[in-house]
Amino acid sequence: MTESRDNENSLISRVGNFARKCLFDILSAGPIPNHIAFIMDGNRRYAKKNNLEEGAGHKLGFIALMSMLRYCYELDVKYVTIYAFSIENFKRRPEEIQSLMELIREKIEGLTKEESIVNQYGIRVHFVGDLNLLDESVRLAAERAMAVTSQNSRAVLSICMAYTSTNEIMNAVEQACEEKWDERKRLGSCGTKNGLIDYAENVERKDNFISLSDIERQMYMKVAPPPDILVRTSGESRLSNFLLWQSGSSLLYSPSVLWPEIGLCHLVWSILNFQRNHSYFEKKKKQV
């Protein structure tokens, strides 16, 4: 009986994989987004709605994430970014934060295993955010995952941890200012008074001022181009301080399902909307 059920499940799986391949071949006739970003909203609400124990929603949310990643990489999407943990999330109850950190560390360590999805598809992993705010065990696991996958080149997975867009922008401006100041001191050491460039004498020099490219070079998300599609589940239309700098020309898609409920149909619908509006978004990008 067990063997028969296993054979049946295997057949269903093969048929499902074949149908998905056919669907993706059809989608690939049109433009495929280069970068899709996800705000994984609704894990806690899903657990509450289904009377599950605390933390169960996030575990089911991880399963949903693995499915989304597999679909994206089968479609040859080059960049995927996920909002895993906001700086604002540190305001939650200490017990909940600790439980989440343990789950996150466990899942990060799973990414380094030979059979993991990132190794199956040749994915390079980046952790994006102020990693110094994380528990040491989580930070070390993240650093190891980045090192282990550093030679993978087929696609990039950016995991935003201890991240908010305002923190990213503030950090980028600070780093750009420090870089410019160091540059001025180096130039000033060649004969200027006190080893510094006099501002009044150099006010006309544009290279003394912070440019847009100076800031963008210091952004956490410099590892990926701006997202073509930004998906937020649970029907919310807020960006929640996520990729504010990068999403000015992104297609926003907000399905009403909670994150653990997201499925292939939602991803397909977002891509169809992207393809339908592709020429418009390309025109907007050129205007930026």
C-alpha atoms as a PDB file:
ATOM      1  CA  MET A   1       0.000   0.000   0.000  1.00  0.00           C
ATOM      2  CA  THR A   2       2.798   2.421   0.952  1.00  0.00           C
ATOM      3  CA  GLU A   3       4.760   1.625  -2.226  1.00  0.00           C
ATOM      4  CA  SER A   4       1.655   2.199  -4.348  1.00  0.00           C
ATOM      5  CA  ARG A   5       1.022   5.562  -2.702  1.00  0.00           C
ATOM      6  CA  ASP A   6       4.668   6.571  -3.223  1.00  0.00           C
ATOM      7  CA  ASN A   7       4.429   5.662  -6.922  1.00  0.00           C
ATOM      8  CA  GLU A   8       1.237   7.692  -7.236  1.00  0.00           C
ATOM      9  CA  ASN A   9       2.818  10.708  -5.554  1.00  0.00           C
ATOM     10  CA  SER A  10       5.876  10.404  -7.800  1.00  0.00           C
ATOM     11  CA  LEU A  11       3.673  10.335 -10.900  1.00  0.00           C
ATOM     12  CA  ILE A  12       1.725  13.402  -9.727  1.00  0.00           C
ATOM     13  CA  SER A  13       4.999  15.191  -9.067  1.00  0.00           C
ATOM     14  CA  ARG A  14       6.355  14.384 -12.559  1.00  0.00           C
ATOM     15  CA  VAL A  15       3.146  15.529 -14.210  1.00  0.00           C
ATOM     16  CA  GLY A  16       3.195  18.728 -12.150  1.00  0.00           C
ATOM     17  CA  ASN A  17       6.814  19.426 -13.070  1.00  0.00           C
ATOM     18  CA  PHE A  18       6.069  18.859 -16.767  1.00  0.00           C
ATOM     19  CA  ALA A  19       3.033  21.163 -16.666  1.00  0.00           C
ATOM     20  CA  ARG A  20       5.067  23.851 -14.901  1.00  0.00           C
ATOM     21  CA  LYS A  21       7.827  23.569 -17.506  1.00  0.00           C
ATOM     22  CA  CYS A  22       5.277  24.024 -20.299  1.00  0.00           C
ATOM     23  CA  LEU A  23       3.831  27.062 -18.535  1.00  0.00           C
ATOM     24  CA  PHE A  24       7.277  28.585 -18.032  1.00  0.00           C
ATOM     25  CA  ASP A  25       8.153  27.977 -21.691  1.00  0.00           C
ATOM     26  CA  ILE A  26       5.071  29.987 -22.658  1.00  0.00           C
ATOM     27  CA  LEU A  27       5.941  32.795 -20.197  1.00  0.00           C
ATOM     28  CA  SER A  28       9.500  32.878 -21.529  1.00  0.00           C
ATOM     29  CA  ALA A  29       8.175  33.935 -24.925  1.00  0.00           C
ATOM     30  CA  GLY A  30       7.787  37.376 -23.340  1.00  0.00           C
ATOM     31  CA  PRO A  31      10.193  39.459 -21.228  1.00  0.00           C
ATOM     32  CA  ILE A  32      11.165  37.809 -17.936  1.00  0.00           C
ATOM     33  CA  PRO A  33      11.865  40.126 -14.987  1.00  0.00           C
ATOM     34  CA  ASN A  34      15.516  40.409 -14.087  1.00  0.00           C
ATOM     35  CA  HIS A  35      14.821  41.032 -10.383  1.00  0.00           C
ATOM     36  CA  ILE A  36      11.848  40.121  -8.168  1.00  0.00           C
ATOM     37  CA  ALA A  37      11.644  41.253  -4.538  1.00  0.00           C
ATOM     38  CA  PHE A  38       9.318  39.823  -1.885  1.00  0.00           C
ATOM     39  CA  ILE A  39       7.908  41.279   1.329  1.00  0.00           C
ATOM     40  CA  MET A  40       6.888  38.082   3.112  1.00  0.00           C
ATOM     41  CA  ASP A  41       3.961  39.451   5.096  1.00  0.00           C
ATOM     42  CA  GLY A  42       1.411  37.441   7.065  1.00  0.00           C
ATOM     43  CA  ASN A  43       3.264  34.562   8.744  1.00  0.00           C
ATOM     44  CA  ARG A  44       1.994  35.397  12.238  1.00  0.00           C
ATOM     45  CA  ARG A  45      -1.534  36.096  11.021  1.00  0.00           C
ATOM     46  CA  TYR A  46      -1.578  32.774   9.190  1.00  0.00           C
ATOM     47  CA  ALA A  47      -0.670  30.916  12.376  1.00  0.00           C
ATOM     48  CA  LYS A  48      -3.327  32.795  14.338  1.00  0.00           C
ATOM     49  CA  LYS A  49      -5.990  32.242  11.680  1.00  0.00           C
ATOM     50  CA  ASN A  50      -5.325  28.495  11.657  1.00  0.00           C
ATOM     51  CA  ASN A  51      -4.873  28.123  15.443  1.00  0.00           C
ATOM     52  CA  LEU A  52      -1.249  27.050  15.080  1.00  0.00           C
ATOM     53  CA  GLU A  53       1.421  27.356  17.732  1.00  0.00           C
ATOM     54  CA  GLU A  54       3.653  30.420  17.772  1.00  0.00           C
ATOM     55  CA  GLY A  55       6.397  30.164  15.181  1.00  0.00           C
ATOM     56  CA  ALA A  56       4.541  27.663  12.994  1.00  0.00           C
ATOM     57  CA  GLY A  57       3.594  30.392  10.540  1.00  0.00           C
ATOM     58  CA  HIS A  58       7.232  31.307   9.949  1.00  0.00           C
ATOM     59  CA  LYS A  59       8.177  27.658   9.391  1.00  0.00           C
ATOM     60  CA  LEU A  60       5.415  27.286   6.799  1.00  0.00           C
ATOM     61  CA  GLY A  61       6.477  30.622   5.359  1.00  0.00           C
ATOM     62  CA  PHE A  62       9.962  29.202   4.784  1.00  0.00           C
ATOM     63  CA  ILE A  63       8.451  26.325   2.779  1.00  0.00           C
ATOM     64  CA  ALA A  64       6.553  28.874   0.670  1.00  0.00           C
ATOM     65  CA  LEU A  65       9.796  30.796   0.163  1.00  0.00           C
ATOM     66  CA  MET A  66      11.609  27.710  -1.117  1.00  0.00           C
ATOM     67  CA  SER A  67       8.834  27.170  -3.658  1.00  0.00           C
ATOM     68  CA  MET A  68       8.991  30.801  -4.823  1.00  0.00           C
ATOM     69  CA  LEU A  69      12.770  30.621  -5.182  1.00  0.00           C
ATOM     70  CA  ARG A  70      12.543  27.403  -7.187  1.00  0.00           C
ATOM     71  CA  TYR A  71       9.940  28.917  -9.532  1.00  0.00           C
ATOM     72  CA  CYS A  72      11.980  32.090  -9.990  1.00  0.00           C
ATOM     73  CA  TYR A  73      15.181  30.227 -10.801  1.00  0.00           C
ATOM     74  CA  GLU A  74      13.394  27.821 -13.143  1.00  0.00           C
ATOM     75  CA  LEU A  75      12.171  30.940 -14.961  1.00  0.00           C
ATOM     76  CA  ASP A  76      15.763  32.209 -15.095  1.00  0.00           C
ATOM     77  CA  VAL A  77      15.142  35.259 -12.901  1.00  0.00           C
ATOM     78  CA  LYS A  78      18.669  36.497 -12.151  1.00  0.00           C
ATOM     79  CA  TYR A  79      18.021  38.335  -8.874  1.00  0.00           C
ATOM     80  CA  VAL A  80      15.638  37.592  -6.012  1.00  0.00           C
ATOM     81  CA  THR A  81      15.491  39.712  -2.847  1.00  0.00           C
ATOM     82  CA  ILE A  82      13.530  38.876   0.301  1.00  0.00           C
ATOM     83  CA  TYR A  83      12.679  41.017   3.327  1.00  0.00           C
ATOM     84  CA  ALA A  84      13.505  38.551   6.091  1.00  0.00           C
ATOM     85  CA  PHE A  85      13.835  40.716   9.209  1.00  0.00           C
ATOM     86  CA  SER A  86      13.340  44.467   9.594  1.00  0.00           C
ATOM     87  CA  ILE A  87      15.150  46.600  12.153  1.00  0.00           C
ATOM     88  CA  GLU A  88      11.635  47.421  13.371  1.00  0.00           C
ATOM     89  CA  ASN A  89      11.124  43.727  14.181  1.00  0.00           C
ATOM     90  CA  PHE A  90      13.574  44.090  17.061  1.00  0.00           C
ATOM     91  CA  LYS A  91      10.736  45.856  18.911  1.00  0.00           C
ATOM     92  CA  ARG A  92       8.818  42.572  19.231  1.00  0.00           C
ATOM     93  CA  ARG A  93       8.785  40.489  22.399  1.00  0.00           C
ATOM     94  CA  PRO A  94      12.269  39.151  23.307  1.00  0.00           C
ATOM     95  CA  GLU A  95      11.023  35.544  23.311  1.00  0.00           C
ATOM     96  CA  GLU A  96       9.626  35.916  19.800  1.00  0.00           C
ATOM     97  CA  ILE A  97      12.820  37.534  18.542  1.00  0.00           C
ATOM     98  CA  GLN A  98      14.937  34.750  20.057  1.00  0.00           C
ATOM     99  CA  SER A  99      12.739  32.089  18.492  1.00  0.00           C
ATOM    100  CA  LEU A 100      12.959  33.784  15.099  1.00  0.00           C
ATOM    101  CA  MET A 101      16.730  34.139  15.341  1.00  0.00           C
ATOM    102  CA  GLU A 102      17.092  30.429  16.079  1.00  0.00           C
ATOM    103  CA  LEU A 103      14.868  29.553  13.119  1.00  0.00           C
ATOM    104  CA  ILE A 104      16.736  31.957  10.840  1.00  0.00           C
ATOM    105  CA  ARG A 105      20.123  30.572  11.901  1.00  0.00           C
ATOM    106  CA  GLU A 106      18.910  27.025  11.244  1.00  0.00           C
ATOM    107  CA  LYS A 107      17.649  27.930   7.768  1.00  0.00           C
ATOM    108  CA  ILE A 108      20.809  29.894   6.910  1.00  0.00           C
ATOM    109  CA  GLU A 109      22.944  26.897   7.853  1.00  0.00           C
ATOM    110  CA  GLY A 110      20.734  24.796   5.587  1.00  0.00           C
ATOM    111  CA  LEU A 111      21.706  26.999   2.634  1.00  0.00           C
ATOM    112  CA  THR A 112      25.316  25.821   2.881  1.00  0.00           C
ATOM    113  CA  LYS A 113      24.453  22.142   2.516  1.00  0.00           C
ATOM    114  CA  GLU A 114      25.338  20.469  -0.758  1.00  0.00           C
ATOM    115  CA  GLU A 115      21.720  19.572  -1.543  1.00  0.00           C
ATOM    116  CA  SER A 116      20.372  23.049  -0.778  1.00  0.00           C
ATOM    117  CA  ILE A 117      18.471  25.032  -3.402  1.00  0.00           C
ATOM    118  CA  VAL A 118      21.268  27.592  -3.746  1.00  0.00           C
ATOM    119  CA  ASN A 119      23.732  24.874  -4.716  1.00  0.00           C
ATOM    120  CA  GLN A 120      21.244  23.140  -6.992  1.00  0.00           C
ATOM    121  CA  TYR A 121      20.794  26.335  -9.005  1.00  0.00           C
ATOM    122  CA  GLY A 122      24.218  27.942  -8.522  1.00  0.00           C
ATOM    123  CA  ILE A 123      22.961  30.859  -6.434  1.00  0.00           C
ATOM    124  CA  ARG A 124      25.210  33.379  -4.742  1.00  0.00           C
ATOM    125  CA  VAL A 125      23.808  34.532  -1.382  1.00  0.00           C
ATOM    126  CA  HIS A 126      24.149  38.066  -0.036  1.00  0.00           C
ATOM    127  CA  PHE A 127      22.933  39.244   3.356  1.00  0.00           C
ATOM    128  CA  VAL A 128      21.912  42.875   3.207  1.00  0.00           C
ATOM    129  CA  GLY A 129      21.529  45.212   6.177  1.00  0.00           C
ATOM    130  CA  ASP A 130      23.255  46.173   9.415  1.00  0.00           C
ATOM    131  CA  LEU A 131      24.460  42.676  10.279  1.00  0.00           C
ATOM    132  CA  ASN A 132      26.115  43.923  13.470  1.00  0.00           C
ATOM    133  CA  LEU A 133      22.628  44.146  14.999  1.00  0.00           C
ATOM    134  CA  LEU A 134      22.137  40.382  14.674  1.00  0.00           C
ATOM    135  CA  ASP A 135      22.936  37.728  17.239  1.00  0.00           C
ATOM    136  CA  GLU A 136      26.531  36.614  16.801  1.00  0.00           C
ATOM    137  CA  SER A 137      25.510  33.065  15.858  1.00  0.00           C
ATOM    138  CA  VAL A 138      23.195  34.366  13.118  1.00  0.00           C
ATOM    139  CA  ARG A 139      25.791  36.836  11.838  1.00  0.00           C
ATOM    140  CA  LEU A 140      28.485  34.160  11.675  1.00  0.00           C
ATOM    141  CA  ALA A 141      26.106  31.780   9.886  1.00  0.00           C
ATOM    142  CA  ALA A 142      25.313  34.546   7.368  1.00  0.00           C
ATOM    143  CA  GLU A 143      28.992  35.278   6.782  1.00  0.00           C
ATOM    144  CA  ARG A 144      29.701  31.582   6.242  1.00  0.00           C
ATOM    145  CA  ALA A 145      26.803  31.230   3.768  1.00  0.00           C
ATOM    146  CA  MET A 146      28.136  34.196   1.776  1.00  0.00           C
ATOM    147  CA  ALA A 147      31.636  32.723   1.743  1.00  0.00           C
ATOM    148  CA  VAL A 148      30.487  29.222   0.753  1.00  0.00           C
ATOM    149  CA  THR A 149      28.345  30.516  -2.148  1.00  0.00           C
ATOM    150  CA  SER A 150      30.713  33.268  -3.304  1.00  0.00           C
ATOM    151  CA  GLN A 151      31.754  31.323  -6.427  1.00  0.00           C
ATOM    152  CA  ASN A 152      28.181  30.647  -7.553  1.00  0.00           C
ATOM    153  CA  SER A 153      27.348  32.820 -10.547  1.00  0.00           C
ATOM    154  CA  ARG A 154      24.042  31.778 -12.096  1.00  0.00           C
ATOM    155  CA  ALA A 155      21.860  34.062  -9.951  1.00  0.00           C
ATOM    156  CA  VAL A 156      21.862  36.127  -6.751  1.00  0.00           C
ATOM    157  CA  LEU A 157      19.682  35.803  -3.647  1.00  0.00           C
ATOM    158  CA  SER A 158      19.739  38.904  -1.426  1.00  0.00           C
ATOM    159  CA  ILE A 159      18.391  38.369   2.104  1.00  0.00           C
ATOM    160  CA  CYS A 160      17.567  41.617   3.896  1.00  0.00           C
ATOM    161  CA  MET A 161      18.274  41.141   7.597  1.00  0.00           C
ATOM    162  CA  ALA A 162      18.311  43.918  10.210  1.00  0.00           C
ATOM    163  CA  TYR A 163      17.343  46.129   7.298  1.00  0.00           C
ATOM    164  CA  THR A 164      15.273  49.223   6.640  1.00  0.00           C
ATOM    165  CA  SER A 165      15.591  51.458   3.624  1.00  0.00           C
ATOM    166  CA  THR A 166      16.075  54.585   5.734  1.00  0.00           C
ATOM    167  CA  ASN A 167      18.958  52.888   7.572  1.00  0.00           C
ATOM    168  CA  GLU A 168      20.449  51.861   4.225  1.00  0.00           C
ATOM    169  CA  ILE A 169      20.246  55.422   2.861  1.00  0.00           C
ATOM    170  CA  MET A 170      21.634  56.975   6.054  1.00  0.00           C
ATOM    171  CA  ASN A 171      24.540  54.517   6.101  1.00  0.00           C
ATOM    172  CA  ALA A 172      25.269  55.119   2.400  1.00  0.00           C
ATOM    173  CA  VAL A 173      25.374  58.900   2.892  1.00  0.00           C
ATOM    174  CA  GLU A 174      27.684  58.539   5.904  1.00  0.00           C
ATOM    175  CA  GLN A 175      30.012  56.196   4.016  1.00  0.00           C
ATOM    176  CA  ALA A 176      30.021  58.461   0.952  1.00  0.00           C
ATOM    177  CA  CYS A 177      30.928  61.470   3.143  1.00  0.00           C
ATOM    178  CA  GLU A 178      33.733  59.545   4.818  1.00  0.00           C
ATOM    179  CA  GLU A 179      35.039  58.370   1.462  1.00  0.00           C
ATOM    180  CA  LYS A 180      34.987  61.924   0.067  1.00  0.00           C
ATOM    181  CA  TRP A 181      36.670  63.313   3.181  1.00  0.00           C
ATOM    182  CA  ASP A 182      39.433  60.708   2.987  1.00  0.00           C
ATOM    183  CA  GLU A 183      39.880  61.520  -0.697  1.00  0.00           C
ATOM    184  CA  ARG A 184      40.165  65.243   0.039  1.00  0.00           C
ATOM    185  CA  LYS A 185      42.742  64.599   2.766  1.00  0.00           C
ATOM    186  CA  ARG A 186      44.813  62.486   0.366  1.00  0.00           C
ATOM    187  CA  LEU A 187      44.691  65.191  -2.274  1.00  0.00           C
ATOM    188  CA  GLY A 188      45.292  67.884   0.332  1.00  0.00           C
ATOM    189  CA  SER A 189      48.453  66.220   1.588  1.00  0.00           C
ATOM    190  CA  CYS A 190      50.191  67.362  -1.605  1.00  0.00           C
ATOM    191  CA  GLY A 191      51.123  70.869  -0.553  1.00  0.00           C
ATOM    192  CA  THR A 192      47.923  72.402   0.833  1.00  0.00           C
ATOM    193  CA  LYS A 193      47.819  74.182   4.176  1.00  0.00           C
ATOM    194  CA  ASN A 194      47.614  71.797   7.163  1.00  0.00           C
ATOM    195  CA  GLY A 195      47.286  68.868   4.791  1.00  0.00           C
ATOM    196  CA  LEU A 196      43.651  69.769   3.955  1.00  0.00           C
ATOM    197  CA  ILE A 197      41.974  71.213   0.897  1.00  0.00           C
ATOM    198  CA  ASP A 198      40.684  74.704   1.610  1.00  0.00           C
ATOM    199  CA  TYR A 199      36.963  74.734   0.873  1.00  0.00           C
ATOM    200  CA  ALA A 200      36.838  78.379  -0.299  1.00  0.00           C
ATOM    201  CA  GLU A 201      39.608  77.763  -2.811  1.00  0.00           C
ATOM    202  CA  ASN A 202      37.976  74.612  -4.141  1.00  0.00           C
ATOM    203  CA  VAL A 203      34.259  75.430  -4.040  1.00  0.00           C
ATOM    204  CA  GLU A 204      34.066  75.206  -7.841  1.00  0.00           C
ATOM    205  CA  ARG A 205      35.450  71.677  -7.907  1.00  0.00           C
ATOM    206  CA  LYS A 206      32.547  69.287  -8.394  1.00  0.00           C
ATOM    207  CA  ASP A 207      34.580  66.339  -7.184  1.00  0.00           C
ATOM    208  CA  ASN A 208      34.511  67.856  -3.685  1.00  0.00           C
ATOM    209  CA  PHE A 209      30.766  67.205  -3.385  1.00  0.00           C
ATOM    210  CA  ILE A 210      28.710  64.056  -2.841  1.00  0.00           C
ATOM    211  CA  SER A 211      27.124  62.797  -6.057  1.00  0.00           C
ATOM    212  CA  LEU A 212      24.284  60.364  -6.649  1.00  0.00           C
ATOM    213  CA  SER A 213      26.759  57.740  -7.826  1.00  0.00           C
ATOM    214  CA  ASP A 214      28.809  58.222  -4.626  1.00  0.00           C
ATOM    215  CA  ILE A 215      25.742  57.320  -2.547  1.00  0.00           C
ATOM    216  CA  GLU A 216      24.592  54.443  -4.743  1.00  0.00           C
ATOM    217  CA  ARG A 217      28.059  52.914  -4.598  1.00  0.00           C
ATOM    218  CA  GLN A 218      27.669  52.637  -0.814  1.00  0.00           C
ATOM    219  CA  MET A 219      24.132  51.185  -0.756  1.00  0.00           C
ATOM    220  CA  TYR A 220      23.646  47.757   0.783  1.00  0.00           C
ATOM    221  CA  MET A 221      21.646  46.754  -2.316  1.00  0.00           C
ATOM    222  CA  LYS A 222      24.401  47.627  -4.785  1.00  0.00           C
ATOM    223  CA  VAL A 223      24.648  43.856  -5.294  1.00  0.00           C
ATOM    224  CA  ALA A 224      21.485  43.898  -7.440  1.00  0.00           C
ATOM    225  CA  PRO A 225      19.736  46.174  -9.958  1.00  0.00           C
ATOM    226  CA  PRO A 226      16.418  47.810  -8.975  1.00  0.00           C
ATOM    227  CA  PRO A 227      13.567  45.255  -8.769  1.00  0.00           C
ATOM    228  CA  ASP A 228      11.262  44.877 -11.761  1.00  0.00           C
ATOM    229  CA  ILE A 229       8.507  43.439  -9.542  1.00  0.00           C
ATOM    230  CA  LEU A 230       7.950  43.967  -5.828  1.00  0.00           C
ATOM    231  CA  VAL A 231       5.492  41.482  -4.297  1.00  0.00           C
ATOM    232  CA  ARG A 232       3.907  42.054  -0.902  1.00  0.00           C
ATOM    233  CA  THR A 233       1.435  39.480   0.366  1.00  0.00           C
ATOM    234  CA  SER A 234      -1.583  39.913   2.691  1.00  0.00           C
ATOM    235  CA  GLY A 235      -3.130  42.617   0.508  1.00  0.00           C
ATOM    236  CA  GLU A 236      -1.075  45.414   2.054  1.00  0.00           C
ATOM    237  CA  SER A 237       0.044  48.148  -0.331  1.00  0.00           C
ATOM    238  CA  ARG A 238       2.724  49.587   2.009  1.00  0.00           C
ATOM    239  CA  LEU A 239       6.431  49.117   1.313  1.00  0.00           C
ATOM    240  CA  SER A 240       7.248  49.076   5.046  1.00  0.00           C
ATOM    241  CA  ASN A 241      10.603  50.810   4.584  1.00  0.00           C
ATOM    242  CA  PHE A 242      11.804  48.250   2.036  1.00  0.00           C
ATOM    243  CA  LEU A 243      13.830  49.201  -1.065  1.00  0.00           C
ATOM    244  CA  LEU A 244      12.419  52.755  -1.096  1.00  0.00           C
ATOM    245  CA  TRP A 245      15.453  54.015  -3.002  1.00  0.00           C
ATOM    246  CA  GLN A 246      15.357  51.211  -5.582  1.00  0.00           C
ATOM    247  CA  SER A 247      11.632  50.660  -6.298  1.00  0.00           C
ATOM    248  CA  GLY A 248      10.685  53.915  -8.033  1.00  0.00           C
ATOM    249  CA  SER A 249      10.039  52.113 -11.335  1.00  0.00           C
ATOM    250  CA  SER A 250       8.939  48.727  -9.978  1.00  0.00           C
ATOM    251  CA  LEU A 251       5.641  46.975 -10.574  1.00  0.00           C
ATOM    252  CA  LEU A 252       3.923  46.601  -7.185  1.00  0.00           C
ATOM    253  CA  TYR A 253       1.793  43.486  -6.703  1.00  0.00           C
ATOM    254  CA  SER A 254      -0.202  42.879  -3.507  1.00  0.00           C
ATOM    255  CA  PRO A 255      -2.124  39.585  -3.528  1.00  0.00           C
ATOM    256  CA  SER A 256      -4.561  39.201  -0.643  1.00  0.00           C
ATOM    257  CA  VAL A 257      -3.126  35.834   0.461  1.00  0.00           C
ATOM    258  CA  LEU A 258      -0.890  35.582   3.525  1.00  0.00           C
ATOM    259  CA  TRP A 259       2.709  34.634   2.803  1.00  0.00           C
ATOM    260  CA  PRO A 260       2.426  30.894   3.615  1.00  0.00           C
ATOM    261  CA  GLU A 261      -0.488  30.750   1.149  1.00  0.00           C
ATOM    262  CA  ILE A 262       1.373  32.234  -1.810  1.00  0.00           C
ATOM    263  CA  GLY A 263       1.512  29.936  -4.820  1.00  0.00           C
ATOM    264  CA  LEU A 264       2.626  29.586  -8.407  1.00  0.00           C
ATOM    265  CA  CYS A 265      -0.518  31.310  -9.703  1.00  0.00           C
ATOM    266  CA  HIS A 266       0.403  34.526  -7.859  1.00  0.00           C
ATOM    267  CA  LEU A 267       3.913  34.581  -9.294  1.00  0.00           C
ATOM    268  CA  VAL A 268       2.607  33.906 -12.794  1.00  0.00           C
ATOM    269  CA  TRP A 269       0.025  36.675 -12.486  1.00  0.00           C
ATOM    270  CA  SER A 270       2.672  39.185 -11.378  1.00  0.00           C
ATOM    271  CA  ILE A 271       4.867  38.270 -14.362  1.00  0.00           C
ATOM    272  CA  LEU A 272       1.953  38.553 -16.794  1.00  0.00           C
ATOM    273  CA  ASN A 273       1.258  42.053 -15.417  1.00  0.00           C
ATOM    274  CA  PHE A 274       4.938  42.883 -15.819  1.00  0.00           C
ATOM    275  CA  GLN A 275       4.936  41.685 -19.414  1.00  0.00           C
ATOM    276  CA  ARG A 276       1.779  43.604 -20.217  1.00  0.00           C
ATOM    277  CA  ASN A 277       3.317  46.844 -18.851  1.00  0.00           C
ATOM    278  CA  HIS A 278       6.900  46.134 -19.866  1.00  0.00           C
ATOM    279  CA  SER A 279       7.252  48.916 -22.437  1.00  0.00           C
ATOM    280  CA  TYR A 280       5.859  51.457 -19.963  1.00  0.00           C
ATOM    281  CA  PHE A 281       8.287  50.441 -17.197  1.00  0.00           C
ATOM    282  CA  GLU A 282      11.237  50.466 -19.605  1.00  0.00           C
ATOM    283  CA  LYS A 283      10.327  54.011 -20.618  1.00  0.00           C
ATOM    284  CA  LYS A 284      10.103  55.071 -16.943  1.00  0.00           C
ATOM    285  CA  LYS A 285      13.539  53.599 -16.205  1.00  0.00           C
ATOM    286  CA  LYS A 286      15.107  55.627 -19.000  1.00  0.00           C
ATOM    287  CA  GLN A 287      13.592  58.805 -17.563  1.00  0.00           C
ATOM    288  CA  VAL A 288      15.144  58.256 -14.124  1.00  0.00           C
END
